[in-house]
Amino acid sequence: SNELGKLSDTFNAMASNIEALILSRQRLLRDIGHELRTPLAKSKLALEMLGEGKYQQSIKKAISQVDDMTKELLDIERLNANMEQLQMCSFDVETLISQSLERAWIEDESFVEVHIVESFRITGDSNYLAIALKNLIDNALKYSTKTPIEIEAKEQTIHVKSYGESLE
């Protein structure tokens, strides 16, 4: 009934609320992932049944990217919830850049220039590093006022360079 007891009760209530919020967030993300996968699978099937059409490849790519983003969201949530471990391995910088470019939304390949000034090895989780680099590439393409954007590897560093409006 003293101040320390009240502080302890308040702290415990706060910890319980935070735990409930984290569990609710995890459940929401899992539910969103599940709910998105069903219409995506149906869309893929319907697209295949339509046969070859003028825009089929573009629609396939868009559906595939939404599917990949859903998978990335769920993977990151599993990692954050300690339900998944990083898969550490060693790979070349070219491999990482290639994987990232395959995942990126690039309408025209001339919008991106890749310069491997120095090749080097990276030790890490290639999946999550590819997601991170893909996000940088997507943002560079999205906000650039001038193409091509540049991806440069040198001195144990990957640079994603673009030109855009100054941030306020």
N, C-alpha and C. Protein backbone atom coordinates (compact mmCIF):
# COMPACT_ATOMS: atom_id res chain seq x y z
N SER A 1 0.83 -1.20 0.00
CA SER A 1 0.00 0.00 0.00
C SER A 1 0.87 1.26 0.00
N ASN A 2 2.18 1.11 0.07
CA ASN A 2 3.03 2.30 0.06
C ASN A 2 3.34 2.71 -1.39
N GLU A 3 4.14 3.78 -1.55
CA GLU A 3 4.47 4.30 -2.88
C GLU A 3 5.20 3.27 -3.73
N LEU A 4 6.11 2.53 -3.14
CA LEU A 4 6.85 1.51 -3.87
C LEU A 4 5.92 0.41 -4.38
N GLY A 5 4.95 0.04 -3.57
CA GLY A 5 3.97 -0.96 -3.99
C GLY A 5 3.11 -0.46 -5.14
N LYS A 6 2.70 0.80 -5.08
CA LYS A 6 1.91 1.39 -6.16
C LYS A 6 2.73 1.47 -7.45
N LEU A 7 4.00 1.85 -7.32
CA LEU A 7 4.89 1.91 -8.47
C LEU A 7 5.06 0.52 -9.08
N SER A 8 5.23 -0.46 -8.24
CA SER A 8 5.38 -1.84 -8.70
C SER A 8 4.12 -2.31 -9.44
N ASP A 9 2.95 -2.02 -8.89
CA ASP A 9 1.69 -2.40 -9.54
C ASP A 9 1.54 -1.71 -10.90
N THR A 10 1.88 -0.44 -10.94
CA THR A 10 1.79 0.32 -12.19
C THR A 10 2.75 -0.25 -13.23
N PHE A 11 3.97 -0.56 -12.81
CA PHE A 11 4.96 -1.14 -13.72
C PHE A 11 4.47 -2.48 -14.26
N ASN A 12 3.95 -3.33 -13.39
CA ASN A 12 3.44 -4.64 -13.81
C ASN A 12 2.28 -4.50 -14.80
N ALA A 13 1.39 -3.53 -14.53
CA ALA A 13 0.26 -3.30 -15.44
C ALA A 13 0.77 -2.82 -16.79
N MET A 14 1.77 -1.94 -16.78
CA MET A 14 2.35 -1.44 -18.02
C MET A 14 3.01 -2.59 -18.80
N ALA A 15 3.76 -3.44 -18.11
CA ALA A 15 4.42 -4.58 -18.76
C ALA A 15 3.38 -5.52 -19.38
N SER A 16 2.28 -5.75 -18.68
CA SER A 16 1.20 -6.60 -19.21
C SER A 16 0.58 -5.97 -20.45
N ASN A 17 0.37 -4.66 -20.42
CA ASN A 17 -0.20 -3.97 -21.59
C ASN A 17 0.73 -4.05 -22.79
N ILE A 18 2.02 -3.87 -22.57
CA ILE A 18 3.00 -3.95 -23.66
C ILE A 18 3.01 -5.36 -24.23
N GLU A 19 3.00 -6.36 -23.38
CA GLU A 19 2.99 -7.74 -23.85
C GLU A 19 1.73 -8.02 -24.68
N ALA A 20 0.59 -7.52 -24.22
CA ALA A 20 -0.66 -7.72 -24.96
C ALA A 20 -0.60 -7.02 -26.32
N LEU A 21 -0.02 -5.82 -26.37
CA LEU A 21 0.11 -5.10 -27.63
C LEU A 21 1.02 -5.84 -28.61
N ILE A 22 2.12 -6.38 -28.10
CA ILE A 22 3.05 -7.13 -28.95
C ILE A 22 2.37 -8.38 -29.50
N LEU A 23 1.67 -9.11 -28.66
CA LEU A 23 0.96 -10.31 -29.11
C LEU A 23 -0.12 -9.95 -30.13
N SER A 24 -0.83 -8.85 -29.88
CA SER A 24 -1.87 -8.40 -30.80
C SER A 24 -1.26 -8.03 -32.16
N ARG A 25 -0.13 -7.35 -32.16
CA ARG A 25 0.57 -6.98 -33.39
C ARG A 25 1.00 -8.22 -34.16
N GLN A 26 1.56 -9.18 -33.46
CA GLN A 26 2.01 -10.41 -34.11
C GLN A 26 0.82 -11.15 -34.74
N ARG A 27 -0.27 -11.23 -34.01
CA ARG A 27 -1.47 -11.90 -34.51
C ARG A 27 -2.02 -11.16 -35.73
N LEU A 28 -2.06 -9.82 -35.66
CA LEU A 28 -2.55 -9.02 -36.77
C LEU A 28 -1.71 -9.24 -38.02
N LEU A 29 -0.39 -9.22 -37.89
CA LEU A 29 0.49 -9.41 -39.04
C LEU A 29 0.34 -10.81 -39.63
N ARG A 30 0.22 -11.81 -38.77
CA ARG A 30 0.00 -13.18 -39.28
C ARG A 30 -1.33 -13.27 -40.02
N ASP A 31 -2.38 -12.65 -39.46
CA ASP A 31 -3.70 -12.68 -40.08
C ASP A 31 -3.69 -11.94 -41.43
N ILE A 32 -3.03 -10.79 -41.46
CA ILE A 32 -2.93 -10.03 -42.70
C ILE A 32 -2.22 -10.88 -43.76
N GLY A 33 -1.09 -11.48 -43.36
CA GLY A 33 -0.35 -12.33 -44.29
C GLY A 33 -1.21 -13.46 -44.83
N HIS A 34 -1.94 -14.11 -43.96
CA HIS A 34 -2.82 -15.21 -44.38
C HIS A 34 -3.92 -14.70 -45.30
N GLU A 35 -4.55 -13.60 -44.92
CA GLU A 35 -5.66 -13.07 -45.71
C GLU A 35 -5.21 -12.58 -47.08
N LEU A 36 -3.98 -12.10 -47.19
CA LEU A 36 -3.47 -11.66 -48.49
C LEU A 36 -3.10 -12.84 -49.38
N ARG A 37 -2.61 -13.90 -48.79
CA ARG A 37 -2.17 -15.03 -49.60
C ARG A 37 -3.32 -15.70 -50.36
N THR A 38 -4.48 -15.78 -49.75
CA THR A 38 -5.61 -16.44 -50.40
C THR A 38 -6.03 -15.72 -51.69
N PRO A 39 -6.30 -14.40 -51.67
CA PRO A 39 -6.67 -13.75 -52.93
C PRO A 39 -5.52 -13.72 -53.94
N LEU A 40 -4.29 -13.69 -53.46
CA LEU A 40 -3.16 -13.73 -54.38
C LEU A 40 -3.11 -15.07 -55.11
N ALA A 41 -3.31 -16.14 -54.39
CA ALA A 41 -3.32 -17.47 -55.02
C ALA A 41 -4.45 -17.57 -56.03
N LYS A 42 -5.62 -17.06 -55.67
CA LYS A 42 -6.76 -17.08 -56.59
C LYS A 42 -6.47 -16.23 -57.82
N SER A 43 -5.82 -15.09 -57.64
CA SER A 43 -5.48 -14.21 -58.76
C SER A 43 -4.50 -14.89 -59.70
N LYS A 44 -3.52 -15.58 -59.14
CA LYS A 44 -2.55 -16.31 -59.97
C LYS A 44 -3.26 -17.38 -60.80
N LEU A 45 -4.15 -18.12 -60.16
CA LEU A 45 -4.88 -19.17 -60.86
C LEU A 45 -5.76 -18.59 -61.97
N ALA A 46 -6.49 -17.53 -61.66
CA ALA A 46 -7.36 -16.91 -62.66
C ALA A 46 -6.55 -16.37 -63.83
N LEU A 47 -5.40 -15.81 -63.55
CA LEU A 47 -4.55 -15.28 -64.60
C LEU A 47 -4.05 -16.38 -65.52
N GLU A 48 -3.69 -17.53 -64.94
CA GLU A 48 -3.24 -18.66 -65.75
C GLU A 48 -4.37 -19.20 -66.62
N MET A 49 -5.59 -19.17 -66.10
CA MET A 49 -6.73 -19.70 -66.85
C MET A 49 -7.12 -18.78 -68.00
N LEU A 50 -6.80 -17.50 -67.90
CA LEU A 50 -7.13 -16.56 -68.97
C LEU A 50 -6.31 -16.79 -70.23
N GLY A 51 -5.14 -17.34 -70.06
CA GLY A 51 -4.28 -17.55 -71.21
C GLY A 51 -3.44 -16.32 -71.49
N GLU A 52 -2.62 -16.42 -72.52
CA GLU A 52 -1.71 -15.34 -72.86
C GLU A 52 -2.49 -14.10 -73.29
N GLY A 53 -2.10 -13.00 -72.74
CA GLY A 53 -2.72 -11.73 -73.10
C GLY A 53 -1.68 -10.63 -73.13
N LYS A 54 -2.11 -9.48 -73.57
CA LYS A 54 -1.21 -8.35 -73.75
C LYS A 54 -0.54 -7.93 -72.44
N TYR A 55 -1.27 -7.95 -71.36
CA TYR A 55 -0.76 -7.44 -70.10
C TYR A 55 -0.46 -8.55 -69.08
N GLN A 56 -0.50 -9.80 -69.50
CA GLN A 56 -0.37 -10.91 -68.56
C GLN A 56 0.95 -10.87 -67.80
N GLN A 57 2.07 -10.63 -68.48
CA GLN A 57 3.37 -10.62 -67.81
C GLN A 57 3.44 -9.52 -66.76
N SER A 58 2.89 -8.36 -67.09
CA SER A 58 2.90 -7.24 -66.15
C SER A 58 2.06 -7.56 -64.92
N ILE A 59 0.89 -8.15 -65.13
CA ILE A 59 0.02 -8.53 -64.02
C ILE A 59 0.68 -9.62 -63.18
N LYS A 60 1.30 -10.61 -63.84
CA LYS A 60 2.00 -11.67 -63.12
C LYS A 60 3.08 -11.10 -62.23
N LYS A 61 3.84 -10.16 -62.76
CA LYS A 61 4.93 -9.56 -61.99
C LYS A 61 4.38 -8.79 -60.79
N ALA A 62 3.29 -8.05 -61.01
CA ALA A 62 2.70 -7.28 -59.91
C ALA A 62 2.19 -8.21 -58.81
N ILE A 63 1.51 -9.28 -59.20
CA ILE A 63 1.01 -10.25 -58.22
C ILE A 63 2.17 -10.89 -57.48
N SER A 64 3.20 -11.25 -58.21
CA SER A 64 4.37 -11.87 -57.61
C SER A 64 5.03 -10.93 -56.60
N GLN A 65 5.10 -9.64 -56.93
CA GLN A 65 5.71 -8.69 -56.01
C GLN A 65 4.88 -8.51 -54.74
N VAL A 66 3.56 -8.47 -54.86
CA VAL A 66 2.72 -8.39 -53.66
C VAL A 66 2.90 -9.64 -52.82
N ASP A 67 2.99 -10.78 -53.48
CA ASP A 67 3.22 -12.05 -52.79
C ASP A 67 4.58 -12.02 -52.06
N ASP A 68 5.60 -11.52 -52.75
CA ASP A 68 6.93 -11.42 -52.13
C ASP A 68 6.93 -10.46 -50.95
N MET A 69 6.23 -9.31 -51.10
CA MET A 69 6.17 -8.35 -49.99
C MET A 69 5.46 -8.96 -48.78
N THR A 70 4.41 -9.73 -49.03
CA THR A 70 3.70 -10.40 -47.94
C THR A 70 4.63 -11.38 -47.24
N LYS A 71 5.38 -12.15 -48.02
CA LYS A 71 6.33 -13.09 -47.45
C LYS A 71 7.41 -12.36 -46.65
N GLU A 72 7.92 -11.25 -47.19
CA GLU A 72 8.94 -10.47 -46.48
C GLU A 72 8.40 -9.95 -45.15
N LEU A 73 7.18 -9.43 -45.18
CA LEU A 73 6.55 -8.92 -43.96
C LEU A 73 6.46 -10.01 -42.91
N LEU A 74 6.01 -11.20 -43.31
CA LEU A 74 5.88 -12.32 -42.37
C LEU A 74 7.25 -12.81 -41.90
N ASP A 75 8.23 -12.85 -42.80
CA ASP A 75 9.58 -13.26 -42.42
C ASP A 75 10.16 -12.31 -41.38
N ILE A 76 10.02 -11.02 -41.61
CA ILE A 76 10.56 -10.03 -40.69
C ILE A 76 9.84 -10.12 -39.35
N GLU A 77 8.55 -10.34 -39.37
CA GLU A 77 7.80 -10.48 -38.12
C GLU A 77 8.27 -11.71 -37.35
N ARG A 78 8.50 -12.84 -38.06
CA ARG A 78 9.01 -14.04 -37.38
C ARG A 78 10.40 -13.77 -36.79
N LEU A 79 11.21 -13.04 -37.50
CA LEU A 79 12.55 -12.70 -37.00
C LEU A 79 12.43 -11.82 -35.77
N ASN A 80 11.57 -10.81 -35.83
CA ASN A 80 11.37 -9.92 -34.68
C ASN A 80 10.82 -10.65 -33.47
N ALA A 81 10.01 -11.66 -33.71
CA ALA A 81 9.41 -12.42 -32.61
C ALA A 81 10.32 -13.56 -32.14
N ASN A 82 11.55 -13.58 -32.65
CA ASN A 82 12.52 -14.62 -32.31
C ASN A 82 12.02 -16.02 -32.66
N MET A 83 11.16 -16.10 -33.69
CA MET A 83 10.67 -17.40 -34.14
C MET A 83 11.54 -17.93 -35.28
N GLU A 84 12.46 -17.10 -35.74
CA GLU A 84 13.32 -17.48 -36.85
C GLU A 84 14.73 -16.97 -36.56
N GLN A 85 15.72 -17.72 -36.98
CA GLN A 85 17.11 -17.34 -36.78
C GLN A 85 17.69 -16.85 -38.10
N LEU A 86 18.66 -15.95 -37.99
CA LEU A 86 19.37 -15.51 -39.18
C LEU A 86 20.14 -16.69 -39.76
N GLN A 87 20.15 -16.79 -41.07
CA GLN A 87 20.89 -17.85 -41.77
C GLN A 87 22.21 -17.25 -42.28
N MET A 88 23.21 -17.26 -41.44
CA MET A 88 24.48 -16.63 -41.76
C MET A 88 25.24 -17.47 -42.78
N CYS A 89 25.78 -16.80 -43.80
CA CYS A 89 26.62 -17.45 -44.79
C CYS A 89 27.51 -16.39 -45.43
N SER A 90 28.43 -16.83 -46.23
CA SER A 90 29.35 -15.93 -46.91
C SER A 90 29.03 -15.95 -48.41
N PHE A 91 28.98 -14.77 -49.02
CA PHE A 91 28.63 -14.66 -50.44
C PHE A 91 29.28 -13.40 -51.01
N ASP A 92 29.33 -13.35 -52.34
CA ASP A 92 29.92 -12.20 -53.03
C ASP A 92 28.94 -11.03 -53.08
N VAL A 93 29.47 -9.83 -53.15
CA VAL A 93 28.65 -8.63 -53.26
C VAL A 93 27.80 -8.69 -54.53
N GLU A 94 28.34 -9.29 -55.61
CA GLU A 94 27.58 -9.42 -56.85
C GLU A 94 26.31 -10.24 -56.63
N THR A 95 26.41 -11.27 -55.82
CA THR A 95 25.24 -12.12 -55.52
C THR A 95 24.17 -11.30 -54.82
N LEU A 96 24.57 -10.52 -53.83
CA LEU A 96 23.61 -9.70 -53.09
C LEU A 96 22.94 -8.68 -54.01
N ILE A 97 23.72 -8.01 -54.81
CA ILE A 97 23.15 -7.01 -55.71
C ILE A 97 22.20 -7.68 -56.71
N SER A 98 22.59 -8.81 -57.24
CA SER A 98 21.75 -9.55 -58.18
C SER A 98 20.42 -9.96 -57.54
N GLN A 99 20.47 -10.52 -56.33
CA GLN A 99 19.25 -10.93 -55.63
C GLN A 99 18.34 -9.73 -55.37
N SER A 100 18.94 -8.60 -55.00
CA SER A 100 18.16 -7.40 -54.71
C SER A 100 17.49 -6.85 -55.96
N LEU A 101 18.23 -6.84 -57.07
CA LEU A 101 17.66 -6.34 -58.33
C LEU A 101 16.53 -7.23 -58.82
N GLU A 102 16.65 -8.55 -58.61
CA GLU A 102 15.58 -9.47 -59.01
C GLU A 102 14.29 -9.18 -58.25
N ARG A 103 14.41 -8.74 -57.01
CA ARG A 103 13.24 -8.47 -56.17
C ARG A 103 12.68 -7.07 -56.37
N ALA A 104 13.49 -6.16 -56.88
CA ALA A 104 13.07 -4.75 -57.00
C ALA A 104 12.07 -4.57 -58.13
N TRP A 105 11.27 -3.51 -58.01
CA TRP A 105 10.29 -3.17 -59.04
C TRP A 105 10.98 -2.23 -60.01
N ILE A 106 11.52 -2.79 -61.09
CA ILE A 106 12.24 -2.00 -62.08
C ILE A 106 11.50 -2.12 -63.41
N GLU A 107 10.90 -1.01 -63.83
CA GLU A 107 10.13 -1.02 -65.07
C GLU A 107 11.04 -1.08 -66.29
N ASP A 108 12.18 -0.44 -66.20
CA ASP A 108 13.09 -0.36 -67.34
C ASP A 108 14.51 -0.55 -66.81
N GLU A 109 15.19 -1.55 -67.32
CA GLU A 109 16.54 -1.85 -66.81
C GLU A 109 17.53 -0.72 -67.03
N SER A 110 17.24 0.18 -67.97
CA SER A 110 18.14 1.31 -68.19
C SER A 110 18.06 2.33 -67.05
N PHE A 111 17.11 2.16 -66.13
CA PHE A 111 16.98 3.06 -64.98
C PHE A 111 18.02 2.77 -63.90
N VAL A 112 18.78 1.66 -64.06
CA VAL A 112 19.75 1.26 -63.02
C VAL A 112 21.09 0.94 -63.68
N GLU A 113 22.14 1.50 -63.10
CA GLU A 113 23.51 1.16 -63.52
C GLU A 113 24.22 0.52 -62.34
N VAL A 114 24.90 -0.58 -62.59
CA VAL A 114 25.64 -1.28 -61.54
C VAL A 114 27.13 -1.19 -61.86
N HIS A 115 27.90 -0.76 -60.87
CA HIS A 115 29.36 -0.66 -61.02
C HIS A 115 30.01 -1.45 -59.88
N ILE A 116 30.63 -2.57 -60.22
CA ILE A 116 31.38 -3.32 -59.22
C ILE A 116 32.84 -2.89 -59.39
N VAL A 117 33.23 -1.90 -58.61
CA VAL A 117 34.59 -1.38 -58.68
C VAL A 117 35.55 -2.38 -58.03
N GLU A 118 35.10 -2.90 -56.89
CA GLU A 118 35.85 -3.93 -56.15
C GLU A 118 34.89 -4.99 -55.69
N SER A 119 35.20 -6.24 -56.00
CA SER A 119 34.38 -7.33 -55.49
C SER A 119 34.83 -7.64 -54.06
N PHE A 120 33.90 -8.05 -53.23
CA PHE A 120 34.25 -8.45 -51.87
C PHE A 120 33.22 -9.43 -51.35
N ARG A 121 33.59 -10.13 -50.29
CA ARG A 121 32.71 -11.12 -49.67
C ARG A 121 31.96 -10.47 -48.52
N ILE A 122 30.74 -10.95 -48.31
CA ILE A 122 29.89 -10.48 -47.22
C ILE A 122 29.49 -11.69 -46.41
N THR A 123 29.52 -11.57 -45.09
CA THR A 123 29.01 -12.62 -44.21
C THR A 123 27.76 -12.06 -43.53
N GLY A 124 26.64 -12.73 -43.76
CA GLY A 124 25.37 -12.29 -43.19
C GLY A 124 24.25 -13.16 -43.70
N ASP A 125 23.02 -12.74 -43.44
CA ASP A 125 21.84 -13.43 -43.94
C ASP A 125 21.50 -12.82 -45.29
N SER A 126 21.74 -13.56 -46.36
CA SER A 126 21.57 -13.00 -47.71
C SER A 126 20.12 -12.59 -47.98
N ASN A 127 19.15 -13.30 -47.41
CA ASN A 127 17.75 -12.97 -47.62
C ASN A 127 17.42 -11.59 -47.06
N TYR A 128 17.76 -11.35 -45.80
CA TYR A 128 17.42 -10.08 -45.17
C TYR A 128 18.26 -8.93 -45.71
N LEU A 129 19.52 -9.19 -46.05
CA LEU A 129 20.33 -8.14 -46.66
C LEU A 129 19.81 -7.79 -48.05
N ALA A 130 19.32 -8.79 -48.79
CA ALA A 130 18.74 -8.53 -50.11
C ALA A 130 17.46 -7.70 -49.99
N ILE A 131 16.67 -7.96 -48.96
CA ILE A 131 15.46 -7.17 -48.71
C ILE A 131 15.84 -5.72 -48.43
N ALA A 132 16.84 -5.52 -47.57
CA ALA A 132 17.26 -4.17 -47.20
C ALA A 132 17.78 -3.41 -48.43
N LEU A 133 18.63 -4.06 -49.22
CA LEU A 133 19.17 -3.40 -50.41
C LEU A 133 18.07 -3.15 -51.44
N LYS A 134 17.15 -4.10 -51.59
CA LYS A 134 16.02 -3.91 -52.51
C LYS A 134 15.21 -2.69 -52.12
N ASN A 135 14.98 -2.51 -50.81
CA ASN A 135 14.22 -1.35 -50.35
C ASN A 135 14.94 -0.05 -50.68
N LEU A 136 16.26 -0.03 -50.54
CA LEU A 136 17.03 1.16 -50.91
C LEU A 136 16.91 1.44 -52.41
N ILE A 137 17.00 0.38 -53.21
CA ILE A 137 16.88 0.53 -54.67
C ILE A 137 15.49 1.03 -55.04
N ASP A 138 14.45 0.42 -54.46
CA ASP A 138 13.08 0.84 -54.74
C ASP A 138 12.88 2.32 -54.39
N ASN A 139 13.38 2.74 -53.23
CA ASN A 139 13.24 4.14 -52.82
C ASN A 139 14.02 5.07 -53.74
N ALA A 140 15.22 4.65 -54.14
CA ALA A 140 16.01 5.47 -55.06
C ALA A 140 15.25 5.67 -56.37
N LEU A 141 14.68 4.60 -56.89
CA LEU A 141 13.90 4.69 -58.14
C LEU A 141 12.64 5.54 -57.96
N LYS A 142 11.99 5.37 -56.84
CA LYS A 142 10.73 6.06 -56.59
C LYS A 142 10.91 7.57 -56.45
N TYR A 143 11.97 8.00 -55.76
CA TYR A 143 12.14 9.41 -55.44
C TYR A 143 13.17 10.12 -56.30
N SER A 144 13.79 9.42 -57.21
CA SER A 144 14.80 10.05 -58.05
C SER A 144 14.15 10.93 -59.11
N THR A 145 14.78 12.05 -59.36
CA THR A 145 14.30 12.94 -60.42
C THR A 145 15.11 12.75 -61.70
N LYS A 146 16.10 11.89 -61.63
CA LYS A 146 17.00 11.67 -62.77
C LYS A 146 17.39 10.20 -62.80
N THR A 147 17.36 9.62 -63.97
CA THR A 147 17.82 8.24 -64.10
C THR A 147 19.07 8.25 -64.97
N PRO A 148 19.90 7.28 -64.85
CA PRO A 148 19.75 6.09 -64.02
C PRO A 148 20.22 6.34 -62.58
N ILE A 149 19.72 5.50 -61.68
CA ILE A 149 20.30 5.47 -60.35
C ILE A 149 21.54 4.59 -60.45
N GLU A 150 22.44 4.72 -59.50
CA GLU A 150 23.68 3.94 -59.55
C GLU A 150 23.81 3.07 -58.31
N ILE A 151 24.26 1.85 -58.54
CA ILE A 151 24.61 0.96 -57.45
C ILE A 151 26.09 0.67 -57.63
N GLU A 152 26.86 1.02 -56.61
CA GLU A 152 28.31 0.89 -56.71
C GLU A 152 28.84 0.08 -55.54
N ALA A 153 29.72 -0.86 -55.84
CA ALA A 153 30.36 -1.67 -54.80
C ALA A 153 31.85 -1.39 -54.84
N LYS A 154 32.37 -0.90 -53.72
CA LYS A 154 33.81 -0.67 -53.60
C LYS A 154 34.16 -0.47 -52.13
N GLU A 155 35.39 -0.78 -51.79
CA GLU A 155 35.90 -0.58 -50.43
C GLU A 155 34.98 -1.17 -49.36
N GLN A 156 34.52 -2.40 -49.59
CA GLN A 156 33.68 -3.12 -48.63
C GLN A 156 32.34 -2.41 -48.36
N THR A 157 31.88 -1.61 -49.33
CA THR A 157 30.66 -0.82 -49.15
C THR A 157 29.82 -0.87 -50.43
N ILE A 158 28.51 -0.87 -50.24
CA ILE A 158 27.60 -0.75 -51.37
C ILE A 158 26.95 0.62 -51.28
N HIS A 159 27.04 1.39 -52.36
CA HIS A 159 26.43 2.71 -52.44
C HIS A 159 25.25 2.65 -53.40
N VAL A 160 24.11 3.20 -52.99
CA VAL A 160 22.96 3.36 -53.88
C VAL A 160 22.82 4.87 -54.05
N LYS A 161 23.05 5.33 -55.28
CA LYS A 161 23.07 6.77 -55.54
C LYS A 161 21.91 7.15 -56.44
N SER A 162 21.21 8.20 -56.02
CA SER A 162 20.14 8.74 -56.84
C SER A 162 20.11 10.25 -56.65
N TYR A 163 19.37 10.92 -57.50
CA TYR A 163 19.26 12.37 -57.44
C TYR A 163 17.80 12.72 -57.33
N GLY A 164 17.49 13.54 -56.30
CA GLY A 164 16.10 13.91 -56.08
C GLY A 164 16.00 15.26 -55.41
N GLU A 165 14.80 15.62 -55.08
CA GLU A 165 14.56 16.89 -54.39
C GLU A 165 15.16 16.82 -52.98
N SER A 166 15.65 17.97 -52.50
CA SER A 166 16.17 18.03 -51.14
C SER A 166 15.05 17.82 -50.15
N LEU A 167 15.38 17.16 -49.05
CA LEU A 167 14.39 16.96 -47.99
C LEU A 167 14.22 18.26 -47.22
N GLU A 168 13.01 18.52 -46.79
CA GLU A 168 12.75 19.74 -46.02
C GLU A 168 13.24 19.59 -44.60
